[in-house]
Amino acid sequence: MKNEQKTSVNTSPALAEAVRRAVAEDRISQRQAAERIGISAGGLSAYMGGTYKGSNAGFEEKIQKWLDARTVRQRTLSSSMNVPGWVKTAAYTTFELVFAHSQYTPDIGLITGGAGVGKTFAANTYAEKGVNVWVVTADPSMKTPMKALKEIAFVLGDVDRGGGSWLRAIVRRVRGSQGLLIIDEAQHLSTDAIDQIRAIHDQAEIGVVFSGNEPLRGRIEGIGRLDTHAQLFSRIGIRKDRKGCSRQDVDALLDAWEIDDPNLRRLASAIAAQQGALRTMNKTLRYAVQLCRADDRERLSVEDVQEAWKELTMKPVPSFKREG
């Protein structure tokens, strides 16, 4: 006799089965499903077992909304199935050199450049591939040294302050790790916060890389002219600046997208020359694929990309020279 799961008359068998199927397909626990639905784990367990005592109407409405949202998510992902993963662009190779040099020397590195050239992507990819690499994303709330140190401690994890200073606790945590601390969006930090992170490098002897937009370079060079922070400027051993994406970067990504139509490549290149560079080009192509699939077509067209650009940016489509 088969061991079948039973549901009471107060539980919709079809809805319960849909939840079981979703949990199995997403490879998540029932507790994780409950968190995503927005209900208690105990409540979902009782519902699935047919012992839920509460009002089923509102409960089942939440479950159904989650299932519907999950269907939309699956459709969106399937329509973007040819989106390329990691691509080793010329920009990534440049940034990787800074990360590796800074980690294993150890040294302090500086990466600056325009928006969308791949700085954040490179940092996160290097961290995923490496060992003892931590990426801290700065924001305007981290201007003071104390707030910056607390955020670094949070990212590191297992930082025991023990009543002492955050700086000493962080140094104890990373000393001897041969690690690398990457501070992304570092332009948001104050001069004192940047200098405090420099102290982590000095005392723990680990690599540090400051990465941010172009004004960050001018700020740090200006800091170097101040007697109070001269140590910071003198500690920077490697600097790389990339104002925009290169032709090689664009070609590498378009090859990964398997785009061979000359006009489509010209349009995509024109988009990469706009604000946001490679990031904007990838977002536009990703949405264009969705438009294409929604129309039951497999081959991406210039018109798909133009429509995607207009819907995403509400701006005129960048001009490009058509062939033929």
C-alpha atoms as a PDB file:
ATOM      1  CA  MET A   1       0.000   0.000   0.000  1.00  0.00           C
ATOM      2  CA  LYS A   2       1.390   3.393  -0.973  1.00  0.00           C
ATOM      3  CA  ASN A   3       2.240   5.855   1.772  1.00  0.00           C
ATOM      4  CA  GLU A   4       0.069   8.768   0.604  1.00  0.00           C
ATOM      5  CA  GLN A   5       0.018  12.182   2.320  1.00  0.00           C
ATOM      6  CA  LYS A   6      -3.433  13.027   3.574  1.00  0.00           C
ATOM      7  CA  THR A   7      -5.161  16.389   3.750  1.00  0.00           C
ATOM      8  CA  SER A   8      -8.270  17.297   5.707  1.00  0.00           C
ATOM      9  CA  VAL A   9     -11.419  18.810   4.239  1.00  0.00           C
ATOM     10  CA  ASN A  10     -10.122  22.203   5.473  1.00  0.00           C
ATOM     11  CA  THR A  11      -7.070  21.959   3.224  1.00  0.00           C
ATOM     12  CA  SER A  12      -7.243  22.250  -0.561  1.00  0.00           C
ATOM     13  CA  PRO A  13      -5.522  19.096  -1.858  1.00  0.00           C
ATOM     14  CA  ALA A  14      -4.626  20.827  -5.141  1.00  0.00           C
ATOM     15  CA  LEU A  15      -3.053  23.821  -3.372  1.00  0.00           C
ATOM     16  CA  ALA A  16      -1.150  21.624  -0.929  1.00  0.00           C
ATOM     17  CA  GLU A  17       0.184  19.522  -3.812  1.00  0.00           C
ATOM     18  CA  ALA A  18       1.227  22.690  -5.696  1.00  0.00           C
ATOM     19  CA  VAL A  19       3.223  23.793  -2.652  1.00  0.00           C
ATOM     20  CA  ARG A  20       4.905  20.365  -2.351  1.00  0.00           C
ATOM     21  CA  ARG A  21       5.822  20.465  -6.039  1.00  0.00           C
ATOM     22  CA  ALA A  22       7.193  24.017  -5.780  1.00  0.00           C
ATOM     23  CA  VAL A  23       9.290  23.114  -2.735  1.00  0.00           C
ATOM     24  CA  ALA A  24      10.756  20.110  -4.551  1.00  0.00           C
ATOM     25  CA  GLU A  25      11.452  22.008  -7.787  1.00  0.00           C
ATOM     26  CA  ASP A  26      13.083  24.963  -6.019  1.00  0.00           C
ATOM     27  CA  ARG A  27      15.039  22.637  -3.726  1.00  0.00           C
ATOM     28  CA  ILE A  28      14.063  24.569  -0.617  1.00  0.00           C
ATOM     29  CA  SER A  29      12.727  23.504   2.747  1.00  0.00           C
ATOM     30  CA  GLN A  30       9.116  23.946   3.787  1.00  0.00           C
ATOM     31  CA  ARG A  31      10.346  26.503   6.329  1.00  0.00           C
ATOM     32  CA  GLN A  32      12.003  28.520   3.545  1.00  0.00           C
ATOM     33  CA  ALA A  33       8.792  28.323   1.528  1.00  0.00           C
ATOM     34  CA  ALA A  34       6.864  29.704   4.498  1.00  0.00           C
ATOM     35  CA  GLU A  35       9.294  32.639   4.739  1.00  0.00           C
ATOM     36  CA  ARG A  36       8.809  33.429   1.056  1.00  0.00           C
ATOM     37  CA  ILE A  37       5.036  33.162   1.360  1.00  0.00           C
ATOM     38  CA  GLY A  38       5.018  35.404   4.431  1.00  0.00           C
ATOM     39  CA  ILE A  39       3.455  32.985   6.888  1.00  0.00           C
ATOM     40  CA  SER A  40       4.735  31.025   9.863  1.00  0.00           C
ATOM     41  CA  ALA A  41       6.511  27.732   9.296  1.00  0.00           C
ATOM     42  CA  GLY A  42       4.220  26.113  11.839  1.00  0.00           C
ATOM     43  CA  GLY A  43       1.141  27.414  10.073  1.00  0.00           C
ATOM     44  CA  LEU A  44       2.250  26.063   6.701  1.00  0.00           C
ATOM     45  CA  SER A  45       3.166  22.731   8.253  1.00  0.00           C
ATOM     46  CA  ALA A  46      -0.271  22.485   9.860  1.00  0.00           C
ATOM     47  CA  TYR A  47      -1.975  23.421   6.608  1.00  0.00           C
ATOM     48  CA  MET A  48      -0.007  20.848   4.634  1.00  0.00           C
ATOM     49  CA  GLY A  49      -0.848  18.223   7.247  1.00  0.00           C
ATOM     50  CA  GLY A  50      -4.530  19.117   7.335  1.00  0.00           C
ATOM     51  CA  THR A  51      -4.507  20.337  10.935  1.00  0.00           C
ATOM     52  CA  TYR A  52      -4.578  24.109  10.437  1.00  0.00           C
ATOM     53  CA  LYS A  53      -7.125  25.675  12.796  1.00  0.00           C
ATOM     54  CA  GLY A  54      -7.145  29.235  11.521  1.00  0.00           C
ATOM     55  CA  SER A  55      -9.082  30.941   8.733  1.00  0.00           C
ATOM     56  CA  ASN A  56      -8.169  29.275   5.464  1.00  0.00           C
ATOM     57  CA  ALA A  57      -9.321  32.092   3.191  1.00  0.00           C
ATOM     58  CA  GLY A  58      -6.566  34.620   3.930  1.00  0.00           C
ATOM     59  CA  PHE A  59      -4.009  31.859   4.419  1.00  0.00           C
ATOM     60  CA  GLU A  60      -4.680  30.274   1.053  1.00  0.00           C
ATOM     61  CA  GLU A  61      -4.726  33.679  -0.640  1.00  0.00           C
ATOM     62  CA  LYS A  62      -1.107  34.253   0.473  1.00  0.00           C
ATOM     63  CA  ILE A  63      -0.069  30.805  -0.722  1.00  0.00           C
ATOM     64  CA  GLN A  64      -1.719  31.341  -4.100  1.00  0.00           C
ATOM     65  CA  LYS A  65      -0.025  34.749  -4.518  1.00  0.00           C
ATOM     66  CA  TRP A  66       3.355  33.123  -3.894  1.00  0.00           C
ATOM     67  CA  LEU A  67       2.641  30.373  -6.405  1.00  0.00           C
ATOM     68  CA  ASP A  68       1.507  32.942  -8.990  1.00  0.00           C
ATOM     69  CA  ALA A  69       4.614  35.082  -8.404  1.00  0.00           C
ATOM     70  CA  ARG A  70       6.775  31.990  -8.723  1.00  0.00           C
ATOM     71  CA  THR A  71       5.173  31.232 -12.114  1.00  0.00           C
ATOM     72  CA  VAL A  72       5.958  34.764 -13.314  1.00  0.00           C
ATOM     73  CA  ARG A  73       9.547  34.370 -12.084  1.00  0.00           C
ATOM     74  CA  GLN A  74       9.983  31.067 -13.928  1.00  0.00           C
ATOM     75  CA  ARG A  75       8.574  32.555 -17.134  1.00  0.00           C
ATOM     76  CA  THR A  76      10.928  35.540 -16.859  1.00  0.00           C
ATOM     77  CA  LEU A  77      13.968  33.345 -16.268  1.00  0.00           C
ATOM     78  CA  SER A  78      13.091  30.984 -19.089  1.00  0.00           C
ATOM     79  CA  SER A  79      12.719  33.932 -21.470  1.00  0.00           C
ATOM     80  CA  SER A  80      16.243  35.021 -20.544  1.00  0.00           C
ATOM     81  CA  MET A  81      17.802  31.574 -20.866  1.00  0.00           C
ATOM     82  CA  ASN A  82      20.542  32.656 -23.267  1.00  0.00           C
ATOM     83  CA  VAL A  83      21.877  35.394 -21.016  1.00  0.00           C
ATOM     84  CA  PRO A  84      25.641  34.747 -20.725  1.00  0.00           C
ATOM     85  CA  GLY A  85      27.273  34.150 -17.369  1.00  0.00           C
ATOM     86  CA  TRP A  86      30.746  35.255 -16.419  1.00  0.00           C
ATOM     87  CA  VAL A  87      32.796  36.656 -19.292  1.00  0.00           C
ATOM     88  CA  LYS A  88      36.509  37.353 -18.945  1.00  0.00           C
ATOM     89  CA  THR A  89      36.688  40.799 -20.509  1.00  0.00           C
ATOM     90  CA  ALA A  90      39.803  42.932 -20.882  1.00  0.00           C
ATOM     91  CA  ALA A  91      38.477  45.085 -18.026  1.00  0.00           C
ATOM     92  CA  TYR A  92      38.171  42.068 -15.733  1.00  0.00           C
ATOM     93  CA  THR A  93      41.741  41.032 -16.517  1.00  0.00           C
ATOM     94  CA  THR A  94      42.944  44.526 -15.607  1.00  0.00           C
ATOM     95  CA  PHE A  95      41.029  44.598 -12.325  1.00  0.00           C
ATOM     96  CA  GLU A  96      42.038  41.015 -11.477  1.00  0.00           C
ATOM     97  CA  LEU A  97      45.674  42.081 -11.723  1.00  0.00           C
ATOM     98  CA  VAL A  98      45.080  44.749  -9.070  1.00  0.00           C
ATOM     99  CA  PHE A  99      43.263  42.304  -6.782  1.00  0.00           C
ATOM    100  CA  ALA A 100      45.892  39.568  -7.082  1.00  0.00           C
ATOM    101  CA  HIS A 101      48.829  41.938  -6.644  1.00  0.00           C
ATOM    102  CA  SER A 102      47.249  43.596  -3.616  1.00  0.00           C
ATOM    103  CA  GLN A 103      46.310  40.279  -1.986  1.00  0.00           C
ATOM    104  CA  TYR A 104      49.569  38.435  -2.355  1.00  0.00           C
ATOM    105  CA  THR A 105      52.120  41.249  -1.978  1.00  0.00           C
ATOM    106  CA  PRO A 106      50.260  42.427   0.236  1.00  0.00           C
ATOM    107  CA  ASP A 107      49.614  45.970  -0.895  1.00  0.00           C
ATOM    108  CA  ILE A 108      46.976  48.670  -1.249  1.00  0.00           C
ATOM    109  CA  GLY A 109      45.397  48.990  -4.696  1.00  0.00           C
ATOM    110  CA  LEU A 110      43.202  51.641  -6.258  1.00  0.00           C
ATOM    111  CA  ILE A 111      40.663  51.026  -9.026  1.00  0.00           C
ATOM    112  CA  THR A 112      38.715  53.919 -10.511  1.00  0.00           C
ATOM    113  CA  GLY A 113      36.503  54.240 -13.545  1.00  0.00           C
ATOM    114  CA  GLY A 114      33.166  55.161 -15.012  1.00  0.00           C
ATOM    115  CA  ALA A 115      29.853  53.542 -14.138  1.00  0.00           C
ATOM    116  CA  GLY A 116      29.192  50.176 -15.730  1.00  0.00           C
ATOM    117  CA  VAL A 117      32.750  49.267 -16.751  1.00  0.00           C
ATOM    118  CA  GLY A 118      32.671  46.144 -14.566  1.00  0.00           C
ATOM    119  CA  LYS A 119      34.345  47.167 -11.281  1.00  0.00           C
ATOM    120  CA  THR A 120      31.691  45.663  -8.997  1.00  0.00           C
ATOM    121  CA  PHE A 121      31.280  42.564 -11.151  1.00  0.00           C
ATOM    122  CA  ALA A 122      35.042  42.007 -11.134  1.00  0.00           C
ATOM    123  CA  ALA A 123      35.238  42.412  -7.349  1.00  0.00           C
ATOM    124  CA  ASN A 124      32.426  39.942  -6.685  1.00  0.00           C
ATOM    125  CA  THR A 125      33.755  37.434  -9.241  1.00  0.00           C
ATOM    126  CA  TYR A 126      37.258  37.576  -7.786  1.00  0.00           C
ATOM    127  CA  ALA A 127      35.797  37.046  -4.306  1.00  0.00           C
ATOM    128  CA  GLU A 128      33.766  34.035  -5.458  1.00  0.00           C
ATOM    129  CA  LYS A 129      36.792  32.462  -7.102  1.00  0.00           C
ATOM    130  CA  GLY A 130      39.273  33.288  -4.363  1.00  0.00           C
ATOM    131  CA  VAL A 131      39.954  32.468  -0.745  1.00  0.00           C
ATOM    132  CA  ASN A 132      39.692  34.981   2.112  1.00  0.00           C
ATOM    133  CA  VAL A 133      38.458  37.768  -0.151  1.00  0.00           C
ATOM    134  CA  TRP A 134      35.844  40.070   1.338  1.00  0.00           C
ATOM    135  CA  VAL A 135      33.859  42.684  -0.583  1.00  0.00           C
ATOM    136  CA  VAL A 136      32.404  45.570   1.411  1.00  0.00           C
ATOM    137  CA  THR A 137      30.089  47.896  -0.487  1.00  0.00           C
ATOM    138  CA  ALA A 138      30.284  51.415   0.929  1.00  0.00           C
ATOM    139  CA  ASP A 139      27.337  53.773   1.011  1.00  0.00           C
ATOM    140  CA  PRO A 140      26.689  57.303   2.357  1.00  0.00           C
ATOM    141  CA  SER A 141      25.877  55.922   5.821  1.00  0.00           C
ATOM    142  CA  MET A 142      29.496  54.739   6.222  1.00  0.00           C
ATOM    143  CA  LYS A 143      31.204  58.111   6.206  1.00  0.00           C
ATOM    144  CA  THR A 144      32.622  57.881   9.730  1.00  0.00           C
ATOM    145  CA  PRO A 145      35.463  55.482  10.608  1.00  0.00           C
ATOM    146  CA  MET A 146      33.320  53.759  13.249  1.00  0.00           C
ATOM    147  CA  LYS A 147      30.479  52.976  10.852  1.00  0.00           C
ATOM    148  CA  ALA A 148      32.918  51.766   8.200  1.00  0.00           C
ATOM    149  CA  LEU A 149      34.624  49.447  10.675  1.00  0.00           C
ATOM    150  CA  LYS A 150      31.299  48.040  11.876  1.00  0.00           C
ATOM    151  CA  GLU A 151      30.269  47.245   8.306  1.00  0.00           C
ATOM    152  CA  ILE A 152      33.611  45.553   7.641  1.00  0.00           C
ATOM    153  CA  ALA A 153      33.197  43.497  10.820  1.00  0.00           C
ATOM    154  CA  PHE A 154      29.710  42.463   9.697  1.00  0.00           C
ATOM    155  CA  VAL A 155      30.978  41.284   6.293  1.00  0.00           C
ATOM    156  CA  LEU A 156      33.917  39.425   7.862  1.00  0.00           C
ATOM    157  CA  GLY A 157      31.743  37.654  10.411  1.00  0.00           C
ATOM    158  CA  ASP A 158      33.020  36.089  13.648  1.00  0.00           C
ATOM    159  CA  VAL A 159      34.563  39.366  14.801  1.00  0.00           C
ATOM    160  CA  ASP A 160      34.804  39.308  18.598  1.00  0.00           C
ATOM    161  CA  ARG A 161      35.359  42.827  19.893  1.00  0.00           C
ATOM    162  CA  GLY A 162      35.625  41.645  23.473  1.00  0.00           C
ATOM    163  CA  GLY A 163      35.195  45.160  24.852  1.00  0.00           C
ATOM    164  CA  GLY A 164      38.100  46.509  22.779  1.00  0.00           C
ATOM    165  CA  SER A 165      38.108  48.630  19.637  1.00  0.00           C
ATOM    166  CA  TRP A 166      36.613  47.538  16.322  1.00  0.00           C
ATOM    167  CA  LEU A 167      39.931  48.135  14.600  1.00  0.00           C
ATOM    168  CA  ARG A 168      41.820  45.757  16.906  1.00  0.00           C
ATOM    169  CA  ALA A 169      39.080  43.142  16.632  1.00  0.00           C
ATOM    170  CA  ILE A 170      39.162  43.267  12.832  1.00  0.00           C
ATOM    171  CA  VAL A 171      42.955  43.083  12.775  1.00  0.00           C
ATOM    172  CA  ARG A 172      42.854  39.986  15.024  1.00  0.00           C
ATOM    173  CA  ARG A 173      40.265  38.418  12.739  1.00  0.00           C
ATOM    174  CA  VAL A 174      42.221  38.819   9.469  1.00  0.00           C
ATOM    175  CA  ARG A 175      45.885  38.780  10.531  1.00  0.00           C
ATOM    176  CA  GLY A 176      47.699  35.840   8.954  1.00  0.00           C
ATOM    177  CA  SER A 177      44.840  35.145   6.509  1.00  0.00           C
ATOM    178  CA  GLN A 178      46.713  36.345   3.412  1.00  0.00           C
ATOM    179  CA  GLY A 179      43.350  37.889   2.616  1.00  0.00           C
ATOM    180  CA  LEU A 180      42.071  40.783   0.551  1.00  0.00           C
ATOM    181  CA  LEU A 181      39.584  43.440   1.632  1.00  0.00           C
ATOM    182  CA  ILE A 182      37.875  45.121  -1.336  1.00  0.00           C
ATOM    183  CA  ILE A 183      36.016  48.347  -0.597  1.00  0.00           C
ATOM    184  CA  ASP A 184      33.607  48.903  -3.476  1.00  0.00           C
ATOM    185  CA  GLU A 185      31.931  52.311  -4.018  1.00  0.00           C
ATOM    186  CA  ALA A 186      34.723  53.746  -1.861  1.00  0.00           C
ATOM    187  CA  GLN A 187      33.911  57.294  -2.979  1.00  0.00           C
ATOM    188  CA  HIS A 188      31.241  57.316  -0.271  1.00  0.00           C
ATOM    189  CA  LEU A 189      33.808  57.046   2.543  1.00  0.00           C
ATOM    190  CA  SER A 190      35.248  60.018   4.373  1.00  0.00           C
ATOM    191  CA  THR A 191      38.970  60.710   4.367  1.00  0.00           C
ATOM    192  CA  ASP A 192      39.216  59.495   7.972  1.00  0.00           C
ATOM    193  CA  ALA A 193      37.310  56.281   7.151  1.00  0.00           C
ATOM    194  CA  ILE A 194      39.633  55.566   4.221  1.00  0.00           C
ATOM    195  CA  ASP A 195      42.657  56.148   6.418  1.00  0.00           C
ATOM    196  CA  GLN A 196      41.244  53.858   9.113  1.00  0.00           C
ATOM    197  CA  ILE A 197      40.975  51.052   6.547  1.00  0.00           C
ATOM    198  CA  ARG A 198      44.578  51.776   5.585  1.00  0.00           C
ATOM    199  CA  ALA A 199      45.425  51.020   9.209  1.00  0.00           C
ATOM    200  CA  ILE A 200      43.885  47.541   8.813  1.00  0.00           C
ATOM    201  CA  HIS A 201      46.334  46.894   5.982  1.00  0.00           C
ATOM    202  CA  ASP A 202      49.276  48.172   8.018  1.00  0.00           C
ATOM    203  CA  GLN A 203      48.509  46.265  11.213  1.00  0.00           C
ATOM    204  CA  ALA A 204      47.086  43.005   9.813  1.00  0.00           C
ATOM    205  CA  GLU A 205      49.354  42.876   6.763  1.00  0.00           C
ATOM    206  CA  ILE A 206      46.552  42.004   4.341  1.00  0.00           C
ATOM    207  CA  GLY A 207      45.738  43.442   0.929  1.00  0.00           C
ATOM    208  CA  VAL A 208      43.226  46.259   0.522  1.00  0.00           C
ATOM    209  CA  VAL A 209      41.719  47.594  -2.702  1.00  0.00           C
ATOM    210  CA  PHE A 210      39.675  50.796  -2.877  1.00  0.00           C
ATOM    211  CA  SER A 211      37.358  50.766  -5.891  1.00  0.00           C
ATOM    212  CA  GLY A 212      35.053  53.547  -6.993  1.00  0.00           C
ATOM    213  CA  ASN A 213      34.123  56.173  -9.532  1.00  0.00           C
ATOM    214  CA  GLU A 214      36.594  58.523 -11.176  1.00  0.00           C
ATOM    215  CA  PRO A 215      36.478  61.327  -8.532  1.00  0.00           C
ATOM    216  CA  LEU A 216      37.809  58.807  -5.981  1.00  0.00           C
ATOM    217  CA  ARG A 217      41.234  58.962  -7.636  1.00  0.00           C
ATOM    218  CA  GLY A 218      41.423  62.736  -7.291  1.00  0.00           C
ATOM    219  CA  ARG A 219      40.297  62.531  -3.675  1.00  0.00           C
ATOM    220  CA  ILE A 220      42.948  60.006  -2.688  1.00  0.00           C
ATOM    221  CA  GLU A 221      45.668  61.893  -4.537  1.00  0.00           C
ATOM    222  CA  GLY A 222      44.515  65.014  -2.713  1.00  0.00           C
ATOM    223  CA  ILE A 223      44.656  63.154   0.595  1.00  0.00           C
ATOM    224  CA  GLY A 224      48.271  62.335  -0.170  1.00  0.00           C
ATOM    225  CA  ARG A 225      49.133  66.020  -0.124  1.00  0.00           C
ATOM    226  CA  LEU A 226      47.882  66.366   3.449  1.00  0.00           C
ATOM    227  CA  ASP A 227      50.485  65.882   6.162  1.00  0.00           C
ATOM    228  CA  THR A 228      47.857  64.212   8.349  1.00  0.00           C
ATOM    229  CA  HIS A 229      47.151  61.464   5.796  1.00  0.00           C
ATOM    230  CA  ALA A 230      50.383  61.233   3.813  1.00  0.00           C
ATOM    231  CA  GLN A 231      50.770  57.578   4.857  1.00  0.00           C
ATOM    232  CA  LEU A 232      47.732  56.574   2.829  1.00  0.00           C
ATOM    233  CA  PHE A 233      48.981  57.906  -0.495  1.00  0.00           C
ATOM    234  CA  SER A 234      52.441  56.418  -0.005  1.00  0.00           C
ATOM    235  CA  ARG A 235      50.924  52.982   0.725  1.00  0.00           C
ATOM    236  CA  ILE A 236      49.143  52.655  -2.636  1.00  0.00           C
ATOM    237  CA  GLY A 237      51.251  50.328  -4.723  1.00  0.00           C
ATOM    238  CA  ILE A 238      49.122  49.777  -7.824  1.00  0.00           C
ATOM    239  CA  ARG A 239      46.573  51.979  -9.570  1.00  0.00           C
ATOM    240  CA  LYS A 240      44.302  51.298 -12.529  1.00  0.00           C
ATOM    241  CA  ASP A 241      41.837  53.721 -14.071  1.00  0.00           C
ATOM    242  CA  ARG A 242      39.279  52.731 -16.706  1.00  0.00           C
ATOM    243  CA  LYS A 243      37.088  55.635 -17.748  1.00  0.00           C
ATOM    244  CA  GLY A 244      34.968  53.605 -20.161  1.00  0.00           C
ATOM    245  CA  CYS A 245      34.593  50.155 -21.639  1.00  0.00           C
ATOM    246  CA  SER A 246      36.897  49.152 -24.470  1.00  0.00           C
ATOM    247  CA  ARG A 247      35.991  47.719 -27.856  1.00  0.00           C
ATOM    248  CA  GLN A 248      37.439  44.389 -26.677  1.00  0.00           C
ATOM    249  CA  ASP A 249      35.105  44.419 -23.650  1.00  0.00           C
ATOM    250  CA  VAL A 250      32.042  44.980 -25.819  1.00  0.00           C
ATOM    251  CA  ASP A 251      33.066  42.366 -28.396  1.00  0.00           C
ATOM    252  CA  ALA A 252      33.723  39.758 -25.699  1.00  0.00           C
ATOM    253  CA  LEU A 253      30.247  40.234 -24.236  1.00  0.00           C
ATOM    254  CA  LEU A 254      28.507  40.256 -27.603  1.00  0.00           C
ATOM    255  CA  ASP A 255      30.332  37.042 -28.515  1.00  0.00           C
ATOM    256  CA  ALA A 256      29.101  35.524 -25.245  1.00  0.00           C
ATOM    257  CA  TRP A 257      25.568  36.626 -26.174  1.00  0.00           C
ATOM    258  CA  GLU A 258      26.120  34.823 -29.516  1.00  0.00           C
ATOM    259  CA  ILE A 259      25.109  37.952 -31.392  1.00  0.00           C
ATOM    260  CA  ASP A 260      26.519  37.852 -34.910  1.00  0.00           C
ATOM    261  CA  ASP A 261      24.200  40.246 -36.759  1.00  0.00           C
ATOM    262  CA  PRO A 262      26.404  43.254 -37.712  1.00  0.00           C
ATOM    263  CA  ASN A 263      23.630  45.807 -37.198  1.00  0.00           C
ATOM    264  CA  LEU A 264      22.669  44.330 -33.844  1.00  0.00           C
ATOM    265  CA  ARG A 265      26.302  44.473 -32.733  1.00  0.00           C
ATOM    266  CA  ARG A 266      26.564  48.097 -33.859  1.00  0.00           C
ATOM    267  CA  LEU A 267      23.438  49.047 -31.916  1.00  0.00           C
ATOM    268  CA  ALA A 268      24.614  47.190 -28.801  1.00  0.00           C
ATOM    269  CA  SER A 269      27.994  48.933 -29.061  1.00  0.00           C
ATOM    270  CA  ALA A 270      26.237  52.298 -29.292  1.00  0.00           C
ATOM    271  CA  ILE A 271      24.304  51.455 -26.132  1.00  0.00           C
ATOM    272  CA  ALA A 272      27.535  50.462 -24.361  1.00  0.00           C
ATOM    273  CA  ALA A 273      28.855  53.947 -25.145  1.00  0.00           C
ATOM    274  CA  GLN A 274      26.030  55.486 -23.085  1.00  0.00           C
ATOM    275  CA  GLN A 275      25.985  56.113 -19.347  1.00  0.00           C
ATOM    276  CA  GLY A 276      26.170  52.786 -17.562  1.00  0.00           C
ATOM    277  CA  ALA A 277      28.321  51.214 -20.285  1.00  0.00           C
ATOM    278  CA  LEU A 278      28.415  47.392 -20.196  1.00  0.00           C
ATOM    279  CA  ARG A 279      25.868  47.147 -17.385  1.00  0.00           C
ATOM    280  CA  THR A 280      23.320  49.119 -19.399  1.00  0.00           C
ATOM    281  CA  MET A 281      24.036  47.092 -22.537  1.00  0.00           C
ATOM    282  CA  ASN A 282      23.522  43.803 -20.688  1.00  0.00           C
ATOM    283  CA  LYS A 283      20.261  44.974 -19.092  1.00  0.00           C
ATOM    284  CA  THR A 284      18.940  46.137 -22.453  1.00  0.00           C
ATOM    285  CA  LEU A 285      19.845  42.879 -24.193  1.00  0.00           C
ATOM    286  CA  ARG A 286      18.351  40.843 -21.356  1.00  0.00           C
ATOM    287  CA  TYR A 287      15.021  42.671 -21.636  1.00  0.00           C
ATOM    288  CA  ALA A 288      15.132  42.484 -25.441  1.00  0.00           C
ATOM    289  CA  VAL A 289      15.372  38.685 -25.163  1.00  0.00           C
ATOM    290  CA  GLN A 290      12.226  38.700 -23.028  1.00  0.00           C
ATOM    291  CA  LEU A 291      10.373  40.768 -25.640  1.00  0.00           C
ATOM    292  CA  CYS A 292      11.569  38.416 -28.358  1.00  0.00           C
ATOM    293  CA  ARG A 293      10.461  35.287 -26.486  1.00  0.00           C
ATOM    294  CA  ALA A 294       7.115  36.847 -25.583  1.00  0.00           C
ATOM    295  CA  ASP A 295       6.506  37.135 -29.330  1.00  0.00           C
ATOM    296  CA  ASP A 296       7.408  33.432 -29.791  1.00  0.00           C
ATOM    297  CA  ARG A 297      10.577  34.223 -31.720  1.00  0.00           C
ATOM    298  CA  GLU A 298      14.000  32.739 -31.154  1.00  0.00           C
ATOM    299  CA  ARG A 299      16.196  35.224 -33.011  1.00  0.00           C
ATOM    300  CA  LEU A 300      16.846  38.634 -31.465  1.00  0.00           C
ATOM    301  CA  SER A 301      16.321  41.622 -33.770  1.00  0.00           C
ATOM    302  CA  VAL A 302      17.455  45.231 -33.869  1.00  0.00           C
ATOM    303  CA  GLU A 303      13.851  46.247 -33.264  1.00  0.00           C
ATOM    304  CA  ASP A 304      13.721  44.158 -30.063  1.00  0.00           C
ATOM    305  CA  VAL A 305      16.767  45.950 -28.683  1.00  0.00           C
ATOM    306  CA  GLN A 306      15.468  49.359 -29.714  1.00  0.00           C
ATOM    307  CA  GLU A 307      12.133  48.692 -28.024  1.00  0.00           C
ATOM    308  CA  ALA A 308      13.863  47.383 -24.890  1.00  0.00           C
ATOM    309  CA  TRP A 309      16.046  50.500 -24.700  1.00  0.00           C
ATOM    310  CA  LYS A 310      13.021  52.813 -25.034  1.00  0.00           C
ATOM    311  CA  GLU A 311      10.998  50.955 -22.395  1.00  0.00           C
ATOM    312  CA  LEU A 312      13.864  50.777 -19.904  1.00  0.00           C
ATOM    313  CA  THR A 313      15.268  54.292 -20.277  1.00  0.00           C
ATOM    314  CA  MET A 314      12.461  56.370 -21.813  1.00  0.00           C
ATOM    315  CA  LYS A 315      15.186  57.979 -23.949  1.00  0.00           C
ATOM    316  CA  PRO A 316      15.774  58.149 -27.719  1.00  0.00           C
ATOM    317  CA  VAL A 317      17.550  55.098 -29.129  1.00  0.00           C
ATOM    318  CA  PRO A 318      21.300  55.724 -29.649  1.00  0.00           C
ATOM    319  CA  SER A 319      22.105  56.210 -33.307  1.00  0.00           C
ATOM    320  CA  PHE A 320      24.298  53.745 -35.180  1.00  0.00           C
ATOM    321  CA  LYS A 321      25.320  53.193 -38.789  1.00  0.00           C
ATOM    322  CA  ARG A 322      23.291  50.414 -40.394  1.00  0.00           C
ATOM    323  CA  GLU A 323      24.868  48.007 -42.829  1.00  0.00           C
ATOM    324  CA  GLY A 324      23.017  47.284 -46.054  1.00  0.00           C
END
